[in-house]
Amino acid sequence: MLYAPSNNEMISLIHLTKRFGRLTAVDNVNLEIPAGEIFGFLGPNGAGKTTTIKMIAGILEPTEGTIVIDGKNLAEDPVGAKQVTGFIPDRAFLYEKLSGIEFLQFVASLYGMDGHRSEARIRELLALFEMDHWGGDLIESYSHGMKQRLVMSAALIHEPKVIVVDEPMVGLDPKGARLVKTIFKSLASNGVSIFMSTHTLAAAEEVCHRIGIIHEGRLIALGTASELREKAGAKAYNLEAVFLKLTEDAQDA
């Protein structure tokens, strides 16, 4: 299939499908995310959110379909696509006998960053995530929230154009969650696209420009929070009520 991205498209999912035996986890999803958009990806447990995230991040291979990131076909140019992508998983693996700084140095080396550039970037990120005082401490001494901040720092170290994040607010205290939302908004204002899977509906409503709802592998709704309220037939609903109404309607269909 020929594909010609527009100048503004950063993520394109084209007939994206993933099967595990007889189970279709993601079913023919088509979606485009422009530069500078924070896109919220919502759905019940088992709906296909994490499977989609892992395919965009290049961890899982699609059964069918195409993923294009910043004009790079992920199947044809995986290194090029990953060089412009930062991935923040819901359960990250960390080398706990390293300090935070040592871990970030290790990640920077994977992207081929030279010492001067990586050291400056590490200082910048530790300050951004308010971890200046703990960078030299071993990761095993970090709280869960501090580990989340370190993982996000690692995902941003190479200044990606696209960020793919699975449940970014899980385990964060209110101050940490507010900090992450502020950082995401700032990144988006500078043209970074953020694809965010979350169960935190209030966070999605607060920071996302558009929201997609996936149910049983199918994208059943797509739009702004206001557009989804209208689709649910209840303009006064909060996003949680809209989400429940749309997924129940899809279940009954």
Protein backbone atom coordinates (compact mmCIF):
# COMPACT_ATOMS: atom_id res chain seq x y z
CA MET A 1 0.00 0.00 0.00
CA LEU A 2 1.44 3.39 -0.97
CA TYR A 3 1.39 6.03 1.72
CA ALA A 4 2.17 9.73 1.42
CA PRO A 5 2.13 11.45 4.83
CA SER A 6 1.09 15.07 5.12
CA ASN A 7 3.54 17.53 6.63
CA ASN A 8 1.59 17.51 9.87
CA GLU A 9 1.11 13.79 10.47
CA MET A 10 3.36 12.24 13.10
CA ILE A 11 1.61 8.90 13.77
CA SER A 12 -0.48 7.01 11.22
CA LEU A 13 -2.12 3.66 11.92
CA ILE A 14 -3.44 2.09 8.75
CA HIS A 15 -5.69 -1.00 9.01
CA LEU A 16 -3.74 -1.98 12.13
CA THR A 17 -4.63 -5.48 13.27
CA LYS A 18 -3.14 -7.89 15.80
CA ARG A 19 -4.29 -11.47 16.35
CA PHE A 20 -3.18 -13.95 18.98
CA GLY A 21 -4.43 -17.26 17.63
CA ARG A 22 -8.21 -16.91 17.34
CA LEU A 23 -8.29 -13.74 19.44
CA THR A 24 -8.29 -10.44 17.54
CA ALA A 25 -6.82 -8.03 20.07
CA VAL A 26 -6.72 -5.03 17.70
CA ASP A 27 -9.16 -4.99 14.80
CA ASN A 28 -8.51 -2.80 11.72
CA VAL A 29 -7.70 0.45 13.53
CA ASN A 30 -7.18 3.55 11.36
CA LEU A 31 -5.92 6.68 13.06
CA GLU A 32 -3.83 9.78 12.39
CA ILE A 33 -2.15 11.92 15.05
CA PRO A 34 -0.79 15.32 13.95
CA ALA A 35 2.24 17.11 15.34
CA GLY A 36 1.62 18.74 18.71
CA GLU A 37 -1.44 16.67 19.64
CA ILE A 38 -1.92 14.90 22.95
CA PHE A 39 -4.09 11.92 22.06
CA GLY A 40 -5.85 9.96 24.79
CA PHE A 41 -6.47 6.26 24.17
CA LEU A 42 -9.17 4.86 26.45
CA GLY A 43 -10.83 1.50 26.80
CA PRO A 44 -11.84 -1.21 29.27
CA ASN A 45 -9.33 -3.79 30.46
CA GLY A 46 -8.52 -6.16 27.61
CA ALA A 47 -9.80 -3.76 24.95
CA GLY A 48 -6.50 -3.64 23.05
CA LYS A 49 -4.88 -0.47 24.42
CA THR A 50 -1.56 -1.93 25.52
CA THR A 51 -1.33 -4.16 22.43
CA THR A 52 -1.72 -1.06 20.24
CA ILE A 53 0.87 0.82 22.30
CA LYS A 54 3.37 -2.03 21.98
CA MET A 55 2.90 -2.18 18.21
CA ILE A 56 3.51 1.56 17.85
CA ALA A 57 6.62 1.22 20.03
CA GLY A 58 7.90 -1.62 17.83
CA ILE A 59 7.72 -4.27 20.55
CA LEU A 60 4.95 -6.29 18.89
CA GLU A 61 4.67 -6.90 15.15
CA PRO A 62 1.22 -6.30 13.62
CA THR A 63 -0.58 -9.20 12.01
CA GLU A 64 -1.82 -6.80 9.33
CA GLY A 65 -1.60 -3.11 8.62
CA THR A 66 0.98 -0.34 8.66
CA ILE A 67 2.44 2.00 11.26
CA VAL A 68 4.08 5.21 10.04
CA ILE A 69 5.94 7.50 12.45
CA ASP A 70 7.18 10.87 11.18
CA GLY A 71 6.98 9.54 7.62
CA LYS A 72 8.94 6.37 8.46
CA ASN A 73 7.29 2.99 7.94
CA LEU A 74 8.01 1.11 11.18
CA ALA A 75 8.28 -2.25 9.40
CA GLU A 76 10.64 -0.96 6.70
CA ASP A 77 12.72 1.45 8.78
CA PRO A 78 12.43 0.38 12.43
CA VAL A 79 15.61 2.14 13.55
CA GLY A 80 14.60 5.42 11.91
CA ALA A 81 11.12 5.27 13.44
CA LYS A 82 12.42 4.44 16.91
CA GLN A 83 15.00 7.22 16.78
CA VAL A 84 12.17 9.77 16.81
CA THR A 85 10.04 7.90 19.36
CA GLY A 86 10.13 7.87 23.15
CA PHE A 87 8.37 4.93 24.82
CA ILE A 88 7.14 5.03 28.42
CA PRO A 89 5.76 1.60 29.42
CA ASP A 90 3.43 1.00 32.34
CA ARG A 91 5.94 -1.38 33.94
CA ALA A 92 9.48 -0.40 33.06
CA PHE A 93 12.59 -2.46 33.75
CA LEU A 94 15.28 -0.53 35.59
CA TYR A 95 18.81 -1.49 36.59
CA GLU A 96 18.38 -0.84 40.29
CA LYS A 97 22.09 -1.08 41.15
CA LEU A 98 22.76 1.94 38.95
CA SER A 99 22.23 5.50 40.05
CA GLY A 100 19.67 7.59 38.23
CA ILE A 101 22.43 9.45 36.40
CA GLU A 102 24.18 6.20 35.40
CA PHE A 103 20.93 4.81 34.03
CA LEU A 104 20.32 7.93 31.95
CA GLN A 105 23.92 7.80 30.69
CA PHE A 106 23.33 4.21 29.62
CA VAL A 107 20.13 5.13 27.74
CA ALA A 108 21.86 8.10 26.09
CA SER A 109 24.62 5.78 24.85
CA LEU A 110 22.01 3.55 23.19
CA TYR A 111 20.96 6.55 21.09
CA GLY A 112 24.57 7.36 20.21
CA MET A 113 24.58 10.66 22.08
CA ASP A 114 28.05 12.06 22.77
CA GLY A 115 29.18 12.73 26.31
CA HIS A 116 28.82 16.51 26.28
CA ARG A 117 25.33 16.45 24.81
CA SER A 118 24.13 13.62 27.06
CA GLU A 119 25.46 15.21 30.26
CA ALA A 120 23.74 18.49 29.48
CA ARG A 121 20.50 16.70 28.63
CA ILE A 122 20.64 14.61 31.82
CA ARG A 123 21.03 17.72 33.97
CA GLU A 124 18.13 19.35 32.11
CA LEU A 125 15.82 16.36 32.59
CA LEU A 126 16.67 15.83 36.26
CA ALA A 127 15.81 19.48 36.86
CA LEU A 128 12.63 19.24 34.76
CA PHE A 129 11.37 16.24 36.76
CA GLU A 130 12.53 17.76 40.07
CA MET A 131 15.06 14.98 40.74
CA ASP A 132 18.26 17.02 40.93
CA HIS A 133 19.00 15.90 44.48
CA TRP A 134 18.51 12.19 43.80
CA GLY A 135 20.35 11.68 40.52
CA GLY A 136 23.37 10.21 42.25
CA ASP A 137 21.36 7.81 44.43
CA LEU A 138 20.85 4.15 43.53
CA ILE A 139 17.56 3.45 41.76
CA GLU A 140 16.75 0.76 44.33
CA SER A 141 16.29 3.56 46.89
CA TYR A 142 13.71 5.39 44.71
CA SER A 143 10.00 5.43 45.42
CA HIS A 144 7.63 4.22 42.69
CA GLY A 145 6.88 7.80 41.71
CA MET A 146 10.58 8.64 41.40
CA LYS A 147 11.12 5.58 39.22
CA GLN A 148 8.27 6.76 36.98
CA ARG A 149 9.93 10.15 36.63
CA LEU A 150 13.26 8.49 35.79
CA VAL A 151 11.63 6.33 33.10
CA MET A 152 10.02 9.42 31.58
CA SER A 153 13.37 11.20 31.64
CA ALA A 154 14.93 8.26 29.79
CA ALA A 155 12.19 8.35 27.15
CA LEU A 156 12.81 12.06 26.54
CA ILE A 157 16.60 12.03 26.57
CA HIS A 158 17.00 11.96 22.78
CA GLU A 159 14.37 14.69 22.29
CA PRO A 160 11.84 12.55 20.39
CA LYS A 161 9.16 13.93 18.11
CA VAL A 162 6.68 11.26 19.26
CA ILE A 163 6.02 9.97 22.77
CA VAL A 164 4.10 6.74 23.31
CA VAL A 165 3.07 6.29 26.93
CA ASP A 166 1.09 3.59 28.71
CA GLU A 167 -0.68 4.70 31.93
CA PRO A 168 1.59 7.65 32.79
CA MET A 169 -0.23 8.66 36.00
CA VAL A 170 -0.27 5.26 37.73
CA GLY A 171 1.51 5.42 41.08
CA LEU A 172 2.13 9.15 40.96
CA ASP A 173 1.05 11.37 43.84
CA PRO A 174 -1.02 14.47 42.97
CA LYS A 175 2.08 16.68 42.76
CA GLY A 176 3.84 14.21 40.45
CA ALA A 177 0.77 13.81 38.25
CA ARG A 178 0.41 17.59 37.94
CA LEU A 179 4.09 17.88 36.99
CA VAL A 180 3.75 15.22 34.27
CA LYS A 181 0.63 16.87 32.83
CA THR A 182 2.44 20.21 32.74
CA ILE A 183 5.43 18.66 30.97
CA PHE A 184 3.21 16.91 28.41
CA LYS A 185 1.41 20.16 27.63
CA SER A 186 4.73 21.96 27.19
CA LEU A 187 6.07 19.25 24.88
CA ALA A 188 2.91 19.35 22.77
CA SER A 189 3.13 23.14 22.48
CA ASN A 190 6.57 22.58 20.93
CA GLY A 191 5.23 20.16 18.32
CA VAL A 192 5.76 16.82 20.07
CA SER A 193 2.94 14.29 19.53
CA ILE A 194 1.88 12.25 22.56
CA PHE A 195 -0.10 8.99 22.27
CA MET A 196 -1.30 8.27 25.80
CA SER A 197 -3.16 5.22 27.01
CA THR A 198 -4.82 5.82 30.35
CA HIS A 199 -7.52 4.76 32.77
CA THR A 200 -7.35 8.18 34.43
CA LEU A 201 -10.32 9.79 32.74
CA ALA A 202 -9.95 13.11 34.51
CA ALA A 203 -6.36 13.42 33.27
CA ALA A 204 -7.43 12.55 29.72
CA GLU A 205 -10.14 15.20 29.78
CA GLU A 206 -7.72 17.78 31.18
CA VAL A 207 -4.76 17.35 28.83
CA CYS A 208 -5.87 15.54 25.66
CA HIS A 209 -6.83 17.39 22.50
CA ARG A 210 -8.67 14.34 21.19
CA ILE A 211 -9.70 11.01 22.67
CA GLY A 212 -10.23 7.62 21.08
CA ILE A 213 -12.16 4.81 22.74
CA ILE A 214 -11.28 1.23 21.87
CA HIS A 215 -13.58 -1.66 22.71
CA GLU A 216 -12.93 -5.32 21.88
CA GLY A 217 -10.13 -4.24 19.57
CA ARG A 218 -12.23 -1.78 17.55
CA LEU A 219 -12.00 2.02 17.66
CA ILE A 220 -15.63 2.85 18.49
CA ALA A 221 -15.39 6.60 19.08
CA LEU A 222 -13.00 9.41 18.23
CA GLY A 223 -13.10 13.14 18.89
CA THR A 224 -12.74 15.89 21.44
CA ALA A 225 -14.32 15.44 24.86
CA SER A 226 -17.21 17.66 23.73
CA GLU A 227 -17.71 15.64 20.54
CA LEU A 228 -17.76 12.40 22.53
CA ARG A 229 -20.34 13.83 24.91
CA GLU A 230 -22.52 14.70 21.92
CA LYS A 231 -22.05 11.22 20.47
CA ALA A 232 -23.15 9.74 23.80
CA GLY A 233 -26.25 11.91 23.67
CA ALA A 234 -25.58 13.67 26.94
CA LYS A 235 -23.80 17.01 26.69
CA ALA A 236 -23.69 17.44 30.47
CA TYR A 237 -21.95 14.12 31.10
CA ASN A 238 -18.42 14.03 32.44
CA LEU A 239 -15.97 11.89 30.47
CA GLU A 240 -16.40 8.88 32.73
CA ALA A 241 -20.14 8.76 32.04
CA VAL A 242 -19.50 9.22 28.31
CA PHE A 243 -16.97 6.40 28.33
CA LEU A 244 -19.35 4.03 30.11
CA LYS A 245 -22.26 4.94 27.81
CA LEU A 246 -20.27 4.43 24.59
CA THR A 247 -18.72 1.13 25.65
CA GLU A 248 -22.10 -0.16 26.84
CA ASP A 249 -23.65 0.83 23.51
CA ALA A 250 -20.84 -0.99 21.67
CA GLN A 251 -21.37 -4.06 23.84
CA ASP A 252 -25.08 -4.11 23.03
CA ALA A 253 -24.58 -3.55 19.30
